[in-house]
C-alpha atoms as a PDB file:
ATOM      1  CA  UNK A   1     -29.292  14.642 -56.186  1.00  0.00           C
ATOM      2  CA  UNK A   2     -31.391  15.136 -59.335  1.00  0.00           C
ATOM      3  CA  UNK A   3     -30.126  14.683 -63.035  1.00  0.00           C
ATOM      4  CA  UNK A   4     -30.587  18.118 -65.129  1.00  0.00           C
ATOM      5  CA  UNK A   5     -30.538  16.868 -68.551  1.00  0.00           C
ATOM      6  CA  UNK A   6     -30.416  14.165 -70.910  1.00  0.00           C
ATOM      7  CA  UNK A   7     -31.971  10.784 -70.577  1.00  0.00           C
ATOM      8  CA  UNK A   8     -31.885  10.994 -67.083  1.00  0.00           C
ATOM      9  CA  UNK A   9     -32.974  14.534 -66.616  1.00  0.00           C
ATOM     10  CA  UNK A  10     -35.300  14.777 -63.229  1.00  0.00           C
ATOM     11  CA  UNK A  11     -34.446  10.982 -62.207  1.00  0.00           C
ATOM     12  CA  UNK A  12     -32.704  10.595 -58.736  1.00  0.00           C
ATOM     13  CA  UNK A  13     -29.462   9.242 -58.521  1.00  0.00           C
ATOM     14  CA  UNK A  14     -27.238   8.204 -54.930  1.00  0.00           C
ATOM     15  CA  UNK A  15     -24.003   9.373 -54.951  1.00  0.00           C
ATOM     16  CA  UNK A  16     -21.221   6.128 -55.586  1.00  0.00           C
ATOM     17  CA  UNK A  17     -18.087   8.132 -55.728  1.00  0.00           C
ATOM     18  CA  UNK A  18     -16.577  11.519 -56.746  1.00  0.00           C
ATOM     19  CA  UNK A  19     -14.620  11.094 -59.605  1.00  0.00           C
ATOM     20  CA  UNK A  20     -11.381  13.728 -60.486  1.00  0.00           C
ATOM     21  CA  UNK A  21     -12.753  16.856 -63.377  1.00  0.00           C
ATOM     22  CA  UNK A  22     -15.838  17.510 -61.715  1.00  0.00           C
ATOM     23  CA  UNK A  23     -17.284  13.858 -62.395  1.00  0.00           C
ATOM     24  CA  UNK A  24     -19.582  11.705 -60.227  1.00  0.00           C
ATOM     25  CA  UNK A  25     -20.636   8.561 -60.325  1.00  0.00           C
ATOM     26  CA  UNK A  26     -24.227   8.194 -59.831  1.00  0.00           C
ATOM     27  CA  UNK A  27     -26.142   5.073 -59.043  1.00  0.00           C
ATOM     28  CA  UNK A  28     -29.710   5.654 -60.919  1.00  0.00           C
ATOM     29  CA  UNK A  29     -32.472   3.759 -62.283  1.00  0.00           C
ATOM     30  CA  UNK A  30     -31.752   2.051 -65.831  1.00  0.00           C
ATOM     31  CA  UNK A  31     -33.596   3.847 -68.318  1.00  0.00           C
ATOM     32  CA  UNK A  32     -33.535   0.638 -71.358  1.00  0.00           C
ATOM     33  CA  UNK A  33     -35.770  -0.020 -74.075  1.00  0.00           C
ATOM     34  CA  UNK A  34     -36.357  -3.904 -73.604  1.00  0.00           C
ATOM     35  CA  UNK A  35     -38.807  -4.272 -76.498  1.00  0.00           C
ATOM     36  CA  UNK A  36     -36.446  -5.647 -79.220  1.00  0.00           C
ATOM     37  CA  UNK A  37     -38.750  -3.857 -81.976  1.00  0.00           C
ATOM     38  CA  UNK A  38     -38.362  -0.604 -80.308  1.00  0.00           C
ATOM     39  CA  UNK A  39     -34.107  -1.015 -79.971  1.00  0.00           C
ATOM     40  CA  UNK A  40     -34.462  -1.771 -83.894  1.00  0.00           C
ATOM     41  CA  UNK A  41     -36.565   1.630 -84.642  1.00  0.00           C
ATOM     42  CA  UNK A  42     -34.398   3.322 -81.634  1.00  0.00           C
ATOM     43  CA  UNK A  43     -31.430   2.816 -83.693  1.00  0.00           C
ATOM     44  CA  UNK A  44     -32.919   4.074 -86.785  1.00  0.00           C
ATOM     45  CA  UNK A  45     -33.791   6.813 -84.839  1.00  0.00           C
ATOM     46  CA  UNK A  46     -30.637   7.887 -83.406  1.00  0.00           C
ATOM     47  CA  UNK A  47     -29.729   9.126 -86.936  1.00  0.00           C
ATOM     48  CA  UNK A  48     -32.432  12.034 -86.503  1.00  0.00           C
ATOM     49  CA  UNK A  49     -30.853  12.612 -82.991  1.00  0.00           C
ATOM     50  CA  UNK A  50     -33.694  12.779 -80.396  1.00  0.00           C
ATOM     51  CA  UNK A  51     -35.698   9.435 -79.279  1.00  0.00           C
ATOM     52  CA  UNK A  52     -39.607  10.240 -79.482  1.00  0.00           C
ATOM     53  CA  UNK A  53     -40.365   8.386 -76.462  1.00  0.00           C
ATOM     54  CA  UNK A  54     -38.731   8.138 -73.016  1.00  0.00           C
ATOM     55  CA  UNK A  55     -38.102   4.243 -72.030  1.00  0.00           C
ATOM     56  CA  UNK A  56     -39.847   3.889 -68.190  1.00  0.00           C
ATOM     57  CA  UNK A  57     -37.268   3.464 -65.196  1.00  0.00           C
ATOM     58  CA  UNK A  58     -37.006  -0.420 -65.093  1.00  0.00           C
ATOM     59  CA  UNK A  59     -34.019  -2.102 -62.919  1.00  0.00           C
ATOM     60  CA  UNK A  60     -32.196  -4.524 -65.097  1.00  0.00           C
ATOM     61  CA  UNK A  61     -32.400  -8.155 -64.701  1.00  0.00           C
ATOM     62  CA  UNK A  62     -30.475 -10.930 -65.347  1.00  0.00           C
ATOM     63  CA  UNK A  63     -33.218 -12.092 -67.802  1.00  0.00           C
ATOM     64  CA  UNK A  64     -33.452  -8.445 -69.450  1.00  0.00           C
ATOM     65  CA  UNK A  65     -29.916  -8.555 -70.307  1.00  0.00           C
ATOM     66  CA  UNK A  66     -30.276 -12.557 -71.813  1.00  0.00           C
ATOM     67  CA  UNK A  67     -32.844 -11.018 -73.903  1.00  0.00           C
ATOM     68  CA  UNK A  68     -30.852  -7.823 -75.233  1.00  0.00           C
ATOM     69  CA  UNK A  69     -28.067  -9.999 -75.636  1.00  0.00           C
ATOM     70  CA  UNK A  70     -29.229 -13.607 -77.087  1.00  0.00           C
ATOM     71  CA  UNK A  71     -27.384 -15.951 -77.692  1.00  0.00           C
ATOM     72  CA  UNK A  72     -23.883 -13.461 -75.993  1.00  0.00           C
ATOM     73  CA  UNK A  73     -22.161 -14.195 -73.427  1.00  0.00           C
ATOM     74  CA  UNK A  74     -22.747 -11.308 -70.865  1.00  0.00           C
ATOM     75  CA  UNK A  75     -19.627  -8.877 -70.631  1.00  0.00           C
ATOM     76  CA  UNK A  76     -18.192  -8.193 -67.008  1.00  0.00           C
ATOM     77  CA  UNK A  77     -15.677  -5.294 -65.846  1.00  0.00           C
ATOM     78  CA  UNK A  78     -14.670  -3.876 -62.351  1.00  0.00           C
ATOM     79  CA  UNK A  79     -14.466  -0.764 -62.488  1.00  0.00           C
ATOM     80  CA  UNK A  80     -11.359   0.946 -60.228  1.00  0.00           C
ATOM     81  CA  UNK A  81     -12.757   4.278 -59.782  1.00  0.00           C
ATOM     82  CA  UNK A  82     -15.877   2.265 -57.712  1.00  0.00           C
ATOM     83  CA  UNK A  83     -13.662   0.363 -55.444  1.00  0.00           C
ATOM     84  CA  UNK A  84     -13.247  -2.209 -58.373  1.00  0.00           C
ATOM     85  CA  UNK A  85     -16.682  -3.035 -57.538  1.00  0.00           C
ATOM     86  CA  UNK A  86     -17.977  -6.087 -60.686  1.00  0.00           C
ATOM     87  CA  UNK A  87     -20.595  -5.093 -62.999  1.00  0.00           C
ATOM     88  CA  UNK A  88     -21.636  -6.284 -66.466  1.00  0.00           C
ATOM     89  CA  UNK A  89     -21.341  -4.105 -69.532  1.00  0.00           C
ATOM     90  CA  UNK A  90     -23.722  -3.252 -71.588  1.00  0.00           C
ATOM     91  CA  UNK A  91     -24.162  -0.484 -75.191  1.00  0.00           C
ATOM     92  CA  UNK A  92     -20.877   0.492 -72.579  1.00  0.00           C
ATOM     93  CA  UNK A  93     -22.712   1.144 -69.632  1.00  0.00           C
ATOM     94  CA  UNK A  94     -21.993  -0.445 -66.330  1.00  0.00           C
ATOM     95  CA  UNK A  95     -24.767  -1.927 -63.944  1.00  0.00           C
ATOM     96  CA  UNK A  96     -25.009  -3.678 -61.331  1.00  0.00           C
ATOM     97  CA  UNK A  97     -27.694  -5.744 -58.875  1.00  0.00           C
ATOM     98  CA  UNK A  98     -30.353  -4.170 -61.335  1.00  0.00           C
ATOM     99  CA  UNK A  99     -28.994  -0.405 -61.150  1.00  0.00           C
ATOM    100  CA  UNK A 100     -26.813   1.538 -63.945  1.00  0.00           C
ATOM    101  CA  UNK A 101     -23.938   3.525 -62.067  1.00  0.00           C
ATOM    102  CA  UNK A 102     -23.218   6.176 -64.453  1.00  0.00           C
ATOM    103  CA  UNK A 103     -20.737   9.220 -64.404  1.00  0.00           C
ATOM    104  CA  UNK A 104     -22.025  12.372 -64.493  1.00  0.00           C
ATOM    105  CA  UNK A 105     -20.771  16.154 -64.766  1.00  0.00           C
ATOM    106  CA  UNK A 106     -21.433  18.165 -61.791  1.00  0.00           C
ATOM    107  CA  UNK A 107     -22.915  20.659 -64.399  1.00  0.00           C
ATOM    108  CA  UNK A 108     -25.688  17.942 -65.418  1.00  0.00           C
ATOM    109  CA  UNK A 109     -26.284  17.901 -61.488  1.00  0.00           C
ATOM    110  CA  UNK A 110     -29.035  20.027 -59.601  1.00  0.00           C
ATOM    111  CA  UNK A 111     -27.120  19.833 -56.282  1.00  0.00           C
ATOM    112  CA  UNK A 112     -28.973  22.226 -54.317  1.00  0.00           C
ATOM    113  CA  UNK A 113     -29.751  20.984 -51.004  1.00  0.00           C
ATOM    114  CA  UNK A 114     -33.845  21.189 -50.961  1.00  0.00           C
ATOM    115  CA  UNK A 115     -33.612  18.406 -53.597  1.00  0.00           C
ATOM    116  CA  UNK A 116     -36.516  15.743 -51.700  1.00  0.00           C
ATOM    117  CA  UNK A 117     -37.005  12.634 -53.160  1.00  0.00           C
ATOM    118  CA  UNK A 118     -40.804  11.765 -53.553  1.00  0.00           C
ATOM    119  CA  UNK A 119     -42.736   8.483 -51.826  1.00  0.00           C
ATOM    120  CA  UNK A 120     -42.313   6.476 -55.277  1.00  0.00           C
ATOM    121  CA  UNK A 121     -38.572   7.207 -55.871  1.00  0.00           C
ATOM    122  CA  UNK A 122     -37.708   6.278 -52.323  1.00  0.00           C
ATOM    123  CA  UNK A 123     -39.893   3.276 -52.874  1.00  0.00           C
ATOM    124  CA  UNK A 124     -38.657   2.226 -56.064  1.00  0.00           C
ATOM    125  CA  UNK A 125     -35.015   2.593 -54.955  1.00  0.00           C
ATOM    126  CA  UNK A 126     -35.522   0.426 -52.017  1.00  0.00           C
ATOM    127  CA  UNK A 127     -37.338  -2.274 -53.814  1.00  0.00           C
ATOM    128  CA  UNK A 128     -34.618  -2.726 -56.114  1.00  0.00           C
ATOM    129  CA  UNK A 129     -32.171  -3.027 -53.557  1.00  0.00           C
ATOM    130  CA  UNK A 130     -34.334  -5.803 -51.497  1.00  0.00           C
ATOM    131  CA  UNK A 131     -34.669  -7.358 -54.641  1.00  0.00           C
ATOM    132  CA  UNK A 132     -31.229  -7.397 -56.241  1.00  0.00           C
ATOM    133  CA  UNK A 133     -29.514 -10.233 -54.264  1.00  0.00           C
ATOM    134  CA  UNK A 134     -31.447 -12.428 -56.665  1.00  0.00           C
ATOM    135  CA  UNK A 135     -32.744 -11.211 -59.425  1.00  0.00           C
ATOM    136  CA  UNK A 136     -30.678  -8.078 -60.202  1.00  0.00           C
ATOM    137  CA  UNK A 137     -27.402  -8.170 -62.534  1.00  0.00           C
ATOM    138  CA  UNK A 138     -24.819  -9.683 -60.336  1.00  0.00           C
ATOM    139  CA  UNK A 139     -26.879  -9.949 -57.135  1.00  0.00           C
ATOM    140  CA  UNK A 140     -26.080 -13.082 -56.229  1.00  0.00           C
ATOM    141  CA  UNK A 141     -22.320 -12.892 -56.568  1.00  0.00           C
ATOM    142  CA  UNK A 142     -22.167  -9.643 -55.900  1.00  0.00           C
ATOM    143  CA  UNK A 143     -22.940  -9.737 -52.283  1.00  0.00           C
ATOM    144  CA  UNK A 144     -20.633 -12.106 -51.901  1.00  0.00           C
ATOM    145  CA  UNK A 145     -17.720 -10.274 -53.036  1.00  0.00           C
ATOM    146  CA  UNK A 146     -18.051  -7.060 -51.422  1.00  0.00           C
ATOM    147  CA  UNK A 147     -19.935  -5.819 -48.302  1.00  0.00           C
ATOM    148  CA  UNK A 148     -18.758  -2.203 -48.144  1.00  0.00           C
ATOM    149  CA  UNK A 149     -21.182   0.528 -48.886  1.00  0.00           C
ATOM    150  CA  UNK A 150     -24.195   0.368 -48.487  1.00  0.00           C
ATOM    151  CA  UNK A 151     -25.221  -2.720 -50.636  1.00  0.00           C
ATOM    152  CA  UNK A 152     -25.518  -5.013 -47.590  1.00  0.00           C
ATOM    153  CA  UNK A 153     -28.343  -2.292 -46.066  1.00  0.00           C
ATOM    154  CA  UNK A 154     -31.853  -2.547 -46.080  1.00  0.00           C
ATOM    155  CA  UNK A 155     -33.613  -0.986 -48.553  1.00  0.00           C
ATOM    156  CA  UNK A 156     -35.106   0.634 -45.214  1.00  0.00           C
ATOM    157  CA  UNK A 157     -31.615   1.333 -43.918  1.00  0.00           C
ATOM    158  CA  UNK A 158     -30.611   3.126 -46.856  1.00  0.00           C
ATOM    159  CA  UNK A 159     -33.627   5.753 -46.857  1.00  0.00           C
ATOM    160  CA  UNK A 160     -32.807   6.449 -43.534  1.00  0.00           C
ATOM    161  CA  UNK A 161     -29.093   6.653 -44.002  1.00  0.00           C
ATOM    162  CA  UNK A 162     -29.446   8.335 -47.591  1.00  0.00           C
ATOM    163  CA  UNK A 163     -32.804  10.284 -48.241  1.00  0.00           C
ATOM    164  CA  UNK A 164     -33.778  11.257 -44.558  1.00  0.00           C
ATOM    165  CA  UNK A 165     -32.168  14.200 -42.858  1.00  0.00           C
ATOM    166  CA  UNK A 166     -32.012  14.819 -39.295  1.00  0.00           C
ATOM    167  CA  UNK A 167     -33.966  17.119 -37.688  1.00  0.00           C
ATOM    168  CA  UNK A 168     -36.443  17.579 -41.081  1.00  0.00           C
END
């Protein structure tokens, strides 16, 4: 699915779970400013309501999280809506294996069946999935704790299952 508005407008997301009240949990590649100087500037810019530049898509790694929260313990939480999976919490957002898991209203999503991901988008998802066992947040721990869903699949298997429609 494509997101139509907000920080993630135009980005591709994988549906993780549907929730009540027209809400959908999506797995997206995060857009987090990792430069501490820009983070401080952006917090001041929030008063003007709009950010000047949208951060690039980049998976959140353990090293990135430690840089964003120096000297602090990473907070973890199990999300009941997502089969009790464990997540790292940063700014009230759920991160797991490099991805952001976020709830969107169905009105914010392009649910048209003609939405096709670009090659670069598919490769970005596959690269994160392939590398998530070692570098993504909760990568090694989460791989042991759950084998449900597509998290045990290789990047290529996920692409086939998620993005490529049979007969097209």
